[in-house]
């Protein structure tokens, strides 16, 4: 069945409010006026639809064509190995600077989302809020704003909090900049999410839109952050109350009847349409109107390139050619490291083979094929040196796409990207109940993913923080959570020092020994630097750079 794609119908002449003046953008997409947006429920709804299109740009670094913003956020932890490509030294090996491109790109992306959201939210005081259309638009805009601020405060720690809407009348007004108190940021995030939870339905006729389930999942993540990450030595609110909030939100999701784990972990990422019973929020992509990226400057259309980053350069080996079974077009930039693969029971845990391609076979059918003498089509390639190992490194297959690409040489993918799924909810539930001292509930939620993968159920009272940390890696690797999980639990620096980069030895042969990140990472790397262009605009005296940069 053809999936329903969110229609990208908006496009309005408006000023996007953000943290500083150089982020103000004027973009004319259609002849719809700002007055229409700020005075009618239908205008609010149109603005929200534009936000979904804008949000999707995070997978393409805005107008960049290499999907580097998202993948730069998937490295620099204890389970990933970045080999090459844009951003690897800065994000994968911690040579970050305040001038690093994607440091500024994320800041700009999220403040642009906040600007859209503030516009819609401010409109609520001018329209009939008995209108279901207006209520839906306001609820979605509040989730967008909460989500954007949550991204920002987790990455930068010190951010600017604003609800300001830029208008022609105030565009030149002076703004007083200063880092916001973290509790003020989280207060707004929580209030926005509470409104969304109270007004959004559990389901939507258009996949990819925020629902009550998505808002509750984000609320659980926010509460877990408040419970376990201290700003200037102080936690945001009462830790036990925050863990109880995580438990409450996960329990509501679990008991809603709207979600269920798929029986086979590999099925979660199989196909182009990933809107399954396990999916809570999915970025929608397809080859069709509303399903691809549209350049705001040229009007050209394209997909994303997530698959390319995870596929090693296998086609550089003799006897190998590009095909879908091998991963199609490769860039060879981000791999699972040996430590991550060692966390699986390789004889029992079905995720080991479902989430990774671990071996390569000769596949060249060309004449002459180039297959080495003594080998034949279909034989497994035996790695004998480090250069060969890099070309045939185990790969994560979660983003593989043989469904939307016409040929293996096509670089654009239109496969959906999962943002949040039930498996993460359950692991948050296990963590929350462990902190609350409720052993039965801890085991109940931990066993959801653990047993689904073919492992023997853990008994009540046996689950530890280390077990949850390892299960987080096994289940959610490369889905965008690992760096944040380690940071909020105070594990990032120590874990990277122990396991960062990659070291693989086969007998006496060292296949890879790239562990420089273990010495380059420093305590201040738990946060990104504030983009220098933003500090220049806000004034260093008012908004100082993060320590260490």
Protein backbone atom coordinates (compact mmCIF):
# COMPACT_ATOMS: atom_id res chain seq x y z
CA UNK A 1 0.00 0.00 0.00
CA UNK A 2 1.31 3.41 -0.90
CA UNK A 3 2.06 5.32 2.27
CA UNK A 4 0.62 8.72 3.01
CA UNK A 5 3.19 11.44 2.63
CA UNK A 6 2.99 14.70 4.55
CA UNK A 7 2.08 17.37 1.99
CA UNK A 8 4.52 20.24 1.94
CA UNK A 9 2.03 22.96 1.15
CA UNK A 10 3.54 25.90 2.98
CA UNK A 11 5.70 28.28 2.15
CA UNK A 12 5.30 31.71 3.29
CA UNK A 13 6.93 35.07 3.31
CA UNK A 14 8.09 35.36 6.88
CA UNK A 15 10.93 36.28 9.14
CA UNK A 16 12.30 33.32 11.05
CA UNK A 17 13.13 34.46 14.55
CA UNK A 18 16.25 33.00 16.08
CA UNK A 19 18.96 33.68 18.58
CA UNK A 20 20.72 36.42 16.69
CA UNK A 21 20.33 38.69 13.75
CA UNK A 22 22.42 36.83 11.20
CA UNK A 23 20.04 33.88 11.47
CA UNK A 24 17.07 35.91 10.29
CA UNK A 25 15.99 34.61 6.91
CA UNK A 26 13.49 35.91 4.44
CA UNK A 27 12.27 33.21 2.07
CA UNK A 28 9.45 33.59 -0.41
CA UNK A 29 7.96 30.18 -1.13
CA UNK A 30 4.46 31.09 -2.26
CA UNK A 31 2.19 34.08 -2.35
CA UNK A 32 0.66 33.16 1.00
CA UNK A 33 1.01 36.14 3.32
CA UNK A 34 2.23 36.37 6.88
CA UNK A 35 -1.19 37.79 7.82
CA UNK A 36 -2.80 34.52 6.71
CA UNK A 37 -0.52 32.57 9.04
CA UNK A 38 -0.93 34.84 12.01
CA UNK A 39 -4.69 35.27 11.87
CA UNK A 40 -6.30 31.95 10.88
CA UNK A 41 -6.29 28.33 12.08
CA UNK A 42 -5.58 27.25 8.51
CA UNK A 43 -2.57 29.55 8.44
CA UNK A 44 -1.26 28.04 11.66
CA UNK A 45 -1.65 24.57 10.18
CA UNK A 46 0.20 25.62 7.02
CA UNK A 47 3.09 26.97 9.07
CA UNK A 48 3.32 23.70 10.98
CA UNK A 49 3.53 21.75 7.74
CA UNK A 50 6.45 23.93 6.70
CA UNK A 51 8.18 22.98 9.93
CA UNK A 52 8.15 19.29 8.98
CA UNK A 53 9.94 20.13 5.75
CA UNK A 54 12.45 22.31 7.59
CA UNK A 55 13.03 19.63 10.22
CA UNK A 56 13.96 17.12 7.53
CA UNK A 57 16.91 19.27 6.51
CA UNK A 58 18.86 17.96 9.50
CA UNK A 59 19.58 14.85 7.44
CA UNK A 60 21.10 16.90 4.68
CA UNK A 61 22.99 19.64 6.54
CA UNK A 62 20.47 22.05 5.09
CA UNK A 63 21.45 22.54 1.43
CA UNK A 64 24.55 20.35 1.69
CA UNK A 65 24.27 17.06 -0.20
CA UNK A 66 26.19 14.76 2.11
CA UNK A 67 23.97 14.14 5.16
CA UNK A 68 26.90 15.10 7.35
CA UNK A 69 25.06 16.92 10.13
CA UNK A 70 23.23 13.84 11.38
CA UNK A 71 26.15 11.45 10.91
CA UNK A 72 28.51 13.86 12.73
CA UNK A 73 26.22 13.39 15.73
CA UNK A 74 26.55 9.60 15.54
CA UNK A 75 30.30 9.51 16.19
CA UNK A 76 32.61 10.38 19.04
CA UNK A 77 31.19 7.77 21.41
CA UNK A 78 32.33 4.34 22.61
CA UNK A 79 30.77 2.19 19.87
CA UNK A 80 31.51 3.98 16.57
CA UNK A 81 34.57 4.16 14.38
CA UNK A 82 34.75 7.05 11.88
CA UNK A 83 37.11 6.32 9.03
CA UNK A 84 36.93 9.32 6.70
CA UNK A 85 34.76 12.08 5.34
CA UNK A 86 33.58 15.53 6.38
CA UNK A 87 33.62 16.14 10.11
CA UNK A 88 35.45 12.98 11.17
CA UNK A 89 38.45 14.72 12.80
CA UNK A 90 36.27 17.28 14.55
CA UNK A 91 33.40 15.09 15.74
CA UNK A 92 34.89 11.60 15.73
CA UNK A 93 38.27 12.52 17.20
CA UNK A 94 37.37 15.65 19.16
CA UNK A 95 39.26 18.43 17.44
CA UNK A 96 36.12 20.57 17.59
CA UNK A 97 36.42 24.32 17.10
CA UNK A 98 33.83 27.05 17.48
CA UNK A 99 34.23 27.61 13.73
CA UNK A 100 33.52 23.97 12.80
CA UNK A 101 30.77 24.07 10.19
CA UNK A 102 28.25 21.62 11.65
CA UNK A 103 28.59 23.13 15.12
CA UNK A 104 26.95 26.20 13.62
CA UNK A 105 24.65 24.20 11.36
CA UNK A 106 22.85 22.50 14.23
CA UNK A 107 22.48 25.79 16.13
CA UNK A 108 21.01 27.48 13.06
CA UNK A 109 18.74 24.56 12.23
CA UNK A 110 17.19 24.36 15.68
CA UNK A 111 16.77 28.11 16.15
CA UNK A 112 15.09 28.28 12.77
CA UNK A 113 12.65 25.62 14.03
CA UNK A 114 12.12 27.67 17.19
CA UNK A 115 11.42 30.73 15.06
CA UNK A 116 8.68 28.91 13.14
CA UNK A 117 7.24 27.52 16.37
CA UNK A 118 7.19 30.88 18.13
CA UNK A 119 5.27 32.36 15.21
CA UNK A 120 2.59 29.67 15.36
CA UNK A 121 2.37 29.73 19.15
CA UNK A 122 1.99 33.51 19.22
CA UNK A 123 -0.89 33.24 16.76
CA UNK A 124 -2.95 31.30 19.31
CA UNK A 125 -3.86 34.56 21.02
CA UNK A 126 -5.39 35.90 17.80
CA UNK A 127 -7.52 33.04 16.50
CA UNK A 128 -10.48 30.96 17.59
CA UNK A 129 -8.85 28.34 19.80
CA UNK A 130 -12.05 26.31 19.81
CA UNK A 131 -11.03 25.26 16.32
CA UNK A 132 -9.64 21.68 16.22
CA UNK A 133 -7.32 22.82 13.42
CA UNK A 134 -5.83 25.55 15.61
CA UNK A 135 -5.50 23.24 18.62
CA UNK A 136 -3.70 20.61 16.54
CA UNK A 137 -1.36 23.19 15.03
CA UNK A 138 -0.56 24.72 18.41
CA UNK A 139 0.16 21.31 19.94
CA UNK A 140 2.49 20.31 17.11
CA UNK A 141 4.27 23.68 17.19
CA UNK A 142 4.86 23.28 20.92
CA UNK A 143 6.41 19.83 20.39
CA UNK A 144 8.66 21.28 17.68
CA UNK A 145 9.81 24.05 20.02
CA UNK A 146 10.37 21.68 22.92
CA UNK A 147 12.24 19.25 20.69
CA UNK A 148 14.49 21.98 19.29
CA UNK A 149 15.37 23.37 22.71
CA UNK A 150 16.05 19.85 23.96
CA UNK A 151 18.50 19.28 21.11
CA UNK A 152 20.24 22.58 21.83
CA UNK A 153 20.63 22.32 25.59
CA UNK A 154 21.91 18.75 25.39
CA UNK A 155 24.57 19.66 22.84
CA UNK A 156 25.67 23.11 23.99
CA UNK A 157 24.55 23.34 27.66
CA UNK A 158 24.49 27.15 27.40
CA UNK A 159 21.84 28.45 25.02
CA UNK A 160 19.64 31.49 24.41
CA UNK A 161 15.99 31.16 25.37
CA UNK A 162 13.53 33.17 23.33
CA UNK A 163 9.83 33.23 22.53
CA UNK A 164 10.21 36.34 20.40
CA UNK A 165 8.55 36.61 17.00
CA UNK A 166 10.40 38.81 14.58
CA UNK A 167 8.19 41.27 12.72
CA UNK A 168 8.87 44.16 10.34
CA UNK A 169 8.22 46.45 13.29
CA UNK A 170 10.77 44.91 15.69
CA UNK A 171 13.37 43.46 13.36
CA UNK A 172 15.89 46.18 14.24
CA UNK A 173 15.21 46.21 17.98
CA UNK A 174 18.15 45.53 20.26
CA UNK A 175 18.13 42.13 21.96
CA UNK A 176 19.75 41.42 25.31
CA UNK A 177 21.60 38.13 25.03
CA UNK A 178 22.61 35.93 27.95
CA UNK A 179 22.81 32.17 28.56
CA UNK A 180 19.50 30.92 29.93
CA UNK A 181 19.26 29.21 33.30
CA UNK A 182 18.85 25.48 32.53
CA UNK A 183 15.79 25.20 34.77
CA UNK A 184 14.09 27.94 32.72
CA UNK A 185 14.78 26.03 29.51
CA UNK A 186 13.44 22.78 30.92
CA UNK A 187 10.40 24.55 32.37
CA UNK A 188 9.42 25.74 28.88
CA UNK A 189 10.17 22.33 27.36
CA UNK A 190 8.01 20.58 29.94
CA UNK A 191 5.11 23.02 29.60
CA UNK A 192 5.16 22.71 25.82
CA UNK A 193 5.17 18.91 26.00
CA UNK A 194 2.40 18.84 28.60
CA UNK A 195 0.15 20.88 26.30
CA UNK A 196 0.96 18.55 23.39
CA UNK A 197 0.27 15.42 25.44
CA UNK A 198 -3.07 16.86 26.49
CA UNK A 199 -4.18 17.80 22.98
CA UNK A 200 -2.61 15.37 20.49
CA UNK A 201 -4.15 12.07 19.45
CA UNK A 202 -2.27 8.79 19.75
CA UNK A 203 -2.57 8.29 15.99
CA UNK A 204 -2.35 10.39 12.85
CA UNK A 205 -3.66 9.82 9.35
CA UNK A 206 -0.35 11.19 8.08
CA UNK A 207 2.72 9.19 9.16
CA UNK A 208 5.59 11.27 10.44
CA UNK A 209 3.56 13.84 12.34
CA UNK A 210 3.89 14.30 16.08
CA UNK A 211 1.42 12.27 18.09
CA UNK A 212 0.71 11.92 21.79
CA UNK A 213 3.01 8.90 21.80
CA UNK A 214 5.89 10.92 20.36
CA UNK A 215 5.30 13.76 22.84
CA UNK A 216 5.28 11.30 25.73
CA UNK A 217 8.46 9.62 24.48
CA UNK A 218 10.22 13.00 24.30
CA UNK A 219 8.86 13.89 27.76
CA UNK A 220 10.40 10.67 29.10
CA UNK A 221 13.75 11.55 27.53
CA UNK A 222 13.58 15.05 29.01
CA UNK A 223 12.74 13.69 32.48
CA UNK A 224 15.61 11.17 32.27
CA UNK A 225 17.94 14.03 31.39
CA UNK A 226 16.75 16.10 34.34
CA UNK A 227 17.16 13.10 36.63
CA UNK A 228 20.72 12.24 35.67
CA UNK A 229 22.58 15.25 34.26
CA UNK A 230 23.63 18.06 36.58
CA UNK A 231 24.19 21.64 35.40
CA UNK A 232 26.83 23.39 37.50
CA UNK A 233 26.53 20.59 40.02
CA UNK A 234 22.76 20.90 40.35
CA UNK A 235 20.08 18.61 38.99
CA UNK A 236 16.93 20.10 37.45
CA UNK A 237 14.24 19.28 39.98
CA UNK A 238 13.93 16.26 42.24
CA UNK A 239 15.73 13.22 40.85
CA UNK A 240 13.26 10.64 42.15
CA UNK A 241 10.31 12.64 40.86
CA UNK A 242 11.96 12.88 37.47
CA UNK A 243 12.60 9.13 37.33
CA UNK A 244 8.96 8.62 38.28
CA UNK A 245 8.01 10.91 35.38
CA UNK A 246 10.05 8.71 33.01
CA UNK A 247 8.30 5.65 34.37
CA UNK A 248 4.86 7.26 34.04
CA UNK A 249 5.40 8.26 30.42
CA UNK A 250 6.83 4.88 29.40
CA UNK A 251 3.99 3.10 31.18
CA UNK A 252 1.44 5.23 29.32
CA UNK A 253 3.08 4.37 26.01
CA UNK A 254 3.23 0.68 26.90
CA UNK A 255 -0.40 0.53 28.00
CA UNK A 256 -1.76 2.63 25.14
CA UNK A 257 -2.19 -0.37 22.86
CA UNK A 258 -0.87 1.71 19.98
CA UNK A 259 2.64 0.25 19.83
CA UNK A 260 4.28 -3.16 19.93
CA UNK A 261 7.74 -4.54 19.25
CA UNK A 262 8.17 -6.36 15.99
CA UNK A 263 8.97 -10.03 16.51
CA UNK A 264 12.20 -9.89 14.50
CA UNK A 265 14.65 -7.02 15.16
CA UNK A 266 15.78 -7.02 11.54
CA UNK A 267 12.26 -6.27 10.31
CA UNK A 268 12.34 -2.87 12.05
CA UNK A 269 14.63 -1.50 9.34
CA UNK A 270 13.49 -3.61 6.39
CA UNK A 271 11.76 -1.80 3.54
CA UNK A 272 11.38 1.80 2.44
CA UNK A 273 8.37 2.54 4.65
CA UNK A 274 9.40 2.18 8.30
CA UNK A 275 6.08 3.22 9.86
CA UNK A 276 5.67 0.00 11.83
CA UNK A 277 3.98 -0.81 15.14
CA UNK A 278 7.34 -0.18 16.81
CA UNK A 279 7.90 3.26 15.28
CA UNK A 280 7.00 6.29 17.39
CA UNK A 281 8.44 9.05 15.18
CA UNK A 282 9.73 8.55 11.65
CA UNK A 283 11.23 11.03 9.20
CA UNK A 284 9.27 10.48 5.99
CA UNK A 285 11.03 10.09 2.64
CA UNK A 286 9.88 8.82 -0.74
CA UNK A 287 10.16 9.52 -4.44
CA UNK A 288 7.07 11.63 -4.64
CA UNK A 289 5.62 15.02 -3.86
CA UNK A 290 6.32 15.79 -0.22
CA UNK A 291 8.68 12.86 0.19
CA UNK A 292 11.99 14.36 -0.76
CA UNK A 293 14.20 17.34 -0.01
CA UNK A 294 13.45 20.45 -2.04
CA UNK A 295 16.23 23.00 -2.29
CA UNK A 296 14.88 26.42 -1.24
CA UNK A 297 17.32 28.11 -3.63
CA UNK A 298 17.23 25.99 -6.78
CA UNK A 299 14.05 23.98 -6.42
CA UNK A 300 15.96 20.77 -7.15
CA UNK A 301 14.81 17.59 -5.39
CA UNK A 302 16.83 14.85 -3.75
CA UNK A 303 16.85 12.31 -0.94
CA UNK A 304 19.38 11.63 1.81
CA UNK A 305 22.63 9.64 1.82
CA UNK A 306 22.53 7.82 5.13
CA UNK A 307 23.28 4.42 3.63
CA UNK A 308 26.46 5.61 1.95
CA UNK A 309 28.12 6.62 5.21
CA UNK A 310 27.85 3.14 6.70
CA UNK A 311 28.87 1.10 3.65
CA UNK A 312 32.62 0.35 3.41
CA UNK A 313 34.55 0.64 0.13
CA UNK A 314 34.13 -3.05 -0.65
CA UNK A 315 34.15 -2.42 -4.39
CA UNK A 316 37.83 -1.49 -4.22
CA UNK A 317 38.69 -5.13 -3.58
CA UNK A 318 39.52 -7.50 -6.44
CA UNK A 319 36.52 -9.57 -7.46
CA UNK A 320 34.04 -7.13 -5.91
CA UNK A 321 31.51 -4.93 -7.65
CA UNK A 322 28.68 -2.74 -6.39
CA UNK A 323 25.45 -4.60 -5.72
CA UNK A 324 22.54 -4.23 -3.30
CA UNK A 325 23.49 -7.32 -1.30
CA UNK A 326 26.81 -5.68 -0.44
CA UNK A 327 25.27 -2.33 0.47
CA UNK A 328 25.23 -0.57 -2.93
CA UNK A 329 27.12 2.73 -3.34
CA UNK A 330 29.77 3.10 -0.59
CA UNK A 331 31.46 6.02 1.12
CA UNK A 332 32.91 4.06 4.04
CA UNK A 333 32.74 6.73 6.75
CA UNK A 334 31.14 5.31 9.91
CA UNK A 335 31.46 1.76 11.23
CA UNK A 336 30.57 -0.24 14.35
CA UNK A 337 33.80 -0.76 16.27
CA UNK A 338 35.09 -4.01 17.69
CA UNK A 339 33.86 -3.13 21.16
CA UNK A 340 30.26 -2.75 20.01
CA UNK A 341 30.32 -6.08 18.17
CA UNK A 342 31.81 -7.77 21.25
CA UNK A 343 28.73 -6.80 23.31
CA UNK A 344 26.54 -9.30 21.43
CA UNK A 345 26.32 -12.99 22.15
CA UNK A 346 27.27 -13.80 18.59
CA UNK A 347 25.72 -17.29 18.73
CA UNK A 348 22.40 -16.27 20.27
CA UNK A 349 21.60 -12.57 19.89
CA UNK A 350 19.76 -12.18 16.57
CA UNK A 351 20.67 -8.50 16.36
CA UNK A 352 24.29 -9.40 15.65
CA UNK A 353 23.38 -10.56 12.16
CA UNK A 354 20.21 -8.50 11.73
CA UNK A 355 21.87 -5.12 12.30
CA UNK A 356 25.30 -5.76 10.73
CA UNK A 357 26.90 -7.18 7.64
CA UNK A 358 29.87 -9.12 8.93
CA UNK A 359 31.36 -10.87 5.89
CA UNK A 360 31.77 -10.23 2.20
CA UNK A 361 31.66 -12.54 -0.80
CA UNK A 362 33.16 -12.30 -4.27
CA UNK A 363 30.37 -11.01 -6.49
CA UNK A 364 31.95 -9.82 -9.73
CA UNK A 365 30.25 -11.26 -12.80
CA UNK A 366 32.26 -9.18 -15.23
CA UNK A 367 34.55 -10.87 -17.75
CA UNK A 368 37.27 -11.02 -16.67
CA UNK A 369 35.82 -10.84 -13.18
CA UNK A 370 39.00 -10.03 -11.28
CA UNK A 371 38.24 -12.74 -8.72
CA UNK A 372 41.58 -13.94 -7.32
CA UNK A 373 42.95 -17.22 -8.59
CA UNK A 374 41.68 -20.16 -6.58
CA UNK A 375 38.51 -18.34 -5.59
CA UNK A 376 35.08 -18.39 -7.18
CA UNK A 377 31.90 -16.37 -7.27
CA UNK A 378 30.17 -16.52 -3.88
CA UNK A 379 33.24 -17.45 -1.85
CA UNK A 380 33.73 -15.49 1.37
CA UNK A 381 36.58 -13.02 1.21
CA UNK A 382 39.28 -13.84 3.76
CA UNK A 383 40.83 -10.64 5.09
CA UNK A 384 44.62 -10.85 5.27
CA UNK A 385 45.79 -7.27 5.90
CA UNK A 386 44.73 -3.99 7.47
CA UNK A 387 44.03 -2.16 4.21
CA UNK A 388 41.72 -4.95 3.11
CA UNK A 389 39.99 -4.94 6.50
CA UNK A 390 39.10 -1.26 6.14
CA UNK A 391 37.53 -1.94 2.75
CA UNK A 392 35.59 -4.88 4.18
CA UNK A 393 34.89 -3.57 7.67
CA UNK A 394 31.68 -4.84 9.33
CA UNK A 395 28.89 -2.39 8.62
CA UNK A 396 25.64 -1.31 10.24
CA UNK A 397 22.76 -2.18 7.90
CA UNK A 398 19.98 -0.16 9.57
CA UNK A 399 20.12 2.43 6.78
CA UNK A 400 20.69 0.06 3.84
CA UNK A 401 18.35 0.78 0.97
CA UNK A 402 17.61 -1.61 -1.88
CA UNK A 403 13.97 -0.49 -2.06
CA UNK A 404 14.00 3.11 -3.32
CA UNK A 405 17.16 3.12 -5.41
CA UNK A 406 16.91 1.96 -9.00
CA UNK A 407 20.49 0.75 -9.22
CA UNK A 408 23.34 0.06 -6.75
CA UNK A 409 25.25 3.05 -8.14
CA UNK A 410 22.51 5.52 -7.17
CA UNK A 411 23.67 7.77 -4.32
CA UNK A 412 20.30 9.16 -3.23
CA UNK A 413 18.11 7.22 -0.80
CA UNK A 414 14.42 7.77 -0.10
CA UNK A 415 14.09 5.24 2.71
CA UNK A 416 12.44 6.48 5.90
CA UNK A 417 14.62 7.27 8.93
CA UNK A 418 13.43 6.23 12.39
CA UNK A 419 13.83 8.97 14.98
CA UNK A 420 12.23 7.27 18.00
CA UNK A 421 10.91 3.76 18.53
CA UNK A 422 9.35 1.67 21.27
CA UNK A 423 12.58 -0.18 22.03
CA UNK A 424 14.09 3.05 23.35
CA UNK A 425 10.97 3.74 25.44
CA UNK A 426 11.32 0.34 27.08
CA UNK A 427 15.00 0.86 27.88
CA UNK A 428 14.18 4.20 29.47
CA UNK A 429 11.53 2.40 31.50
CA UNK A 430 14.07 -0.15 32.72
CA UNK A 431 16.44 2.63 33.73
CA UNK A 432 13.74 4.59 35.53
CA UNK A 433 12.40 1.66 37.52
CA UNK A 434 15.93 0.59 38.44
CA UNK A 435 16.50 4.02 40.00
CA UNK A 436 13.11 3.80 41.71
CA UNK A 437 14.07 0.45 43.23
CA UNK A 438 11.27 -1.51 41.54
CA UNK A 439 13.03 -4.68 40.44
CA UNK A 440 10.07 -6.43 38.81
CA UNK A 441 9.28 -3.49 36.55
CA UNK A 442 12.97 -3.02 35.75
CA UNK A 443 13.25 -6.60 34.53
CA UNK A 444 9.93 -6.34 32.67
CA UNK A 445 11.13 -3.46 30.52
CA UNK A 446 14.72 -4.68 30.14
CA UNK A 447 13.55 -8.07 28.91
CA UNK A 448 11.43 -6.50 26.18
CA UNK A 449 14.37 -5.97 23.82
CA UNK A 450 16.70 -8.51 25.43
CA UNK A 451 14.37 -11.49 25.00
CA UNK A 452 13.08 -10.29 21.61
CA UNK A 453 16.67 -10.69 20.39
CA UNK A 454 16.78 -14.34 21.43
CA UNK A 455 18.44 -14.03 24.83
CA UNK A 456 17.37 -15.73 28.03
CA UNK A 457 15.13 -13.58 30.22
CA UNK A 458 16.81 -11.76 33.11
CA UNK A 459 15.25 -12.34 36.51
CA UNK A 460 13.95 -9.61 38.79
CA UNK A 461 16.71 -7.90 40.73
CA UNK A 462 19.49 -8.77 38.29
CA UNK A 463 19.43 -5.68 36.07
CA UNK A 464 22.22 -3.14 36.66
CA UNK A 465 23.12 0.22 35.16
CA UNK A 466 25.97 -1.43 33.23
CA UNK A 467 23.54 -3.95 31.75
CA UNK A 468 21.22 -1.18 30.59
CA UNK A 469 24.17 0.77 29.17
CA UNK A 470 25.26 -2.27 27.16
CA UNK A 471 21.71 -3.04 26.02
CA UNK A 472 21.33 0.58 24.90
CA UNK A 473 24.34 0.04 22.63
CA UNK A 474 23.18 -3.32 21.30
CA UNK A 475 19.66 -2.15 20.49
CA UNK A 476 20.01 1.53 19.53
CA UNK A 477 23.45 1.79 17.93
CA UNK A 478 23.64 4.53 15.27
CA UNK A 479 20.08 5.75 15.88
CA UNK A 480 21.12 9.04 17.45
CA UNK A 481 20.97 8.31 21.18
CA UNK A 482 24.33 6.89 22.29
CA UNK A 483 26.32 10.14 22.73
CA UNK A 484 23.46 11.69 24.69
CA UNK A 485 22.96 8.59 26.82
CA UNK A 486 26.62 8.51 27.82
CA UNK A 487 26.70 12.25 28.52
CA UNK A 488 23.65 12.35 30.76
CA UNK A 489 24.91 9.38 32.78
CA UNK A 490 28.38 10.87 33.22
CA UNK A 491 29.95 8.07 31.17
CA UNK A 492 31.05 9.80 27.97
CA UNK A 493 34.65 10.64 28.80
CA UNK A 494 35.49 7.37 30.57
CA UNK A 495 33.78 5.19 27.96
CA UNK A 496 35.50 6.90 25.04
CA UNK A 497 38.85 6.62 26.81
CA UNK A 498 38.26 2.89 27.21
CA UNK A 499 36.63 1.96 23.91
CA UNK A 500 36.73 4.89 21.46
CA UNK A 501 38.00 4.38 17.94
CA UNK A 502 38.72 0.82 16.88
CA UNK A 503 41.27 -1.86 17.67
CA UNK A 504 40.91 -5.29 16.05
CA UNK A 505 43.47 -8.09 16.21
CA UNK A 506 43.29 -11.41 14.36
CA UNK A 507 45.82 -13.78 15.80
CA UNK A 508 49.07 -11.82 15.71
CA UNK A 509 47.84 -9.53 12.92
CA UNK A 510 46.53 -6.12 13.97
CA UNK A 511 43.81 -5.25 11.44
CA UNK A 512 43.04 -1.81 12.78
CA UNK A 513 44.59 0.33 15.52
CA UNK A 514 43.03 3.79 15.43
CA UNK A 515 42.40 4.81 19.02
CA UNK A 516 43.59 8.42 18.97
CA UNK A 517 40.21 9.62 20.26
CA UNK A 518 40.98 7.95 23.58
CA UNK A 519 43.66 10.56 24.24
CA UNK A 520 42.19 13.56 22.42
CA UNK A 521 38.87 13.60 24.30
CA UNK A 522 38.86 15.98 27.25
CA UNK A 523 36.29 16.63 30.02
CA UNK A 524 34.97 19.78 28.30
CA UNK A 525 34.02 17.73 25.24
CA UNK A 526 30.75 16.76 26.93
CA UNK A 527 29.39 19.88 25.23
CA UNK A 528 29.91 21.49 21.84
CA UNK A 529 31.35 25.00 21.51
CA UNK A 530 28.97 27.87 20.88
CA UNK A 531 29.32 28.77 17.17
CA UNK A 532 31.75 31.69 16.93
CA UNK A 533 29.53 33.53 14.46
CA UNK A 534 26.80 33.53 17.09
CA UNK A 535 29.09 34.79 19.84
CA UNK A 536 30.21 37.58 17.52
CA UNK A 537 26.59 38.59 17.04
CA UNK A 538 25.54 38.23 20.67
CA UNK A 539 28.69 39.71 22.18
CA UNK A 540 31.27 37.63 24.03
CA UNK A 541 30.85 39.74 27.16
CA UNK A 542 27.17 38.78 27.31
CA UNK A 543 27.40 35.25 25.96
CA UNK A 544 30.83 33.70 26.69
CA UNK A 545 32.24 30.70 24.89
CA UNK A 546 31.93 27.32 26.56
CA UNK A 547 34.96 26.45 28.69
CA UNK A 548 37.77 24.70 26.84
CA UNK A 549 37.11 26.14 23.39
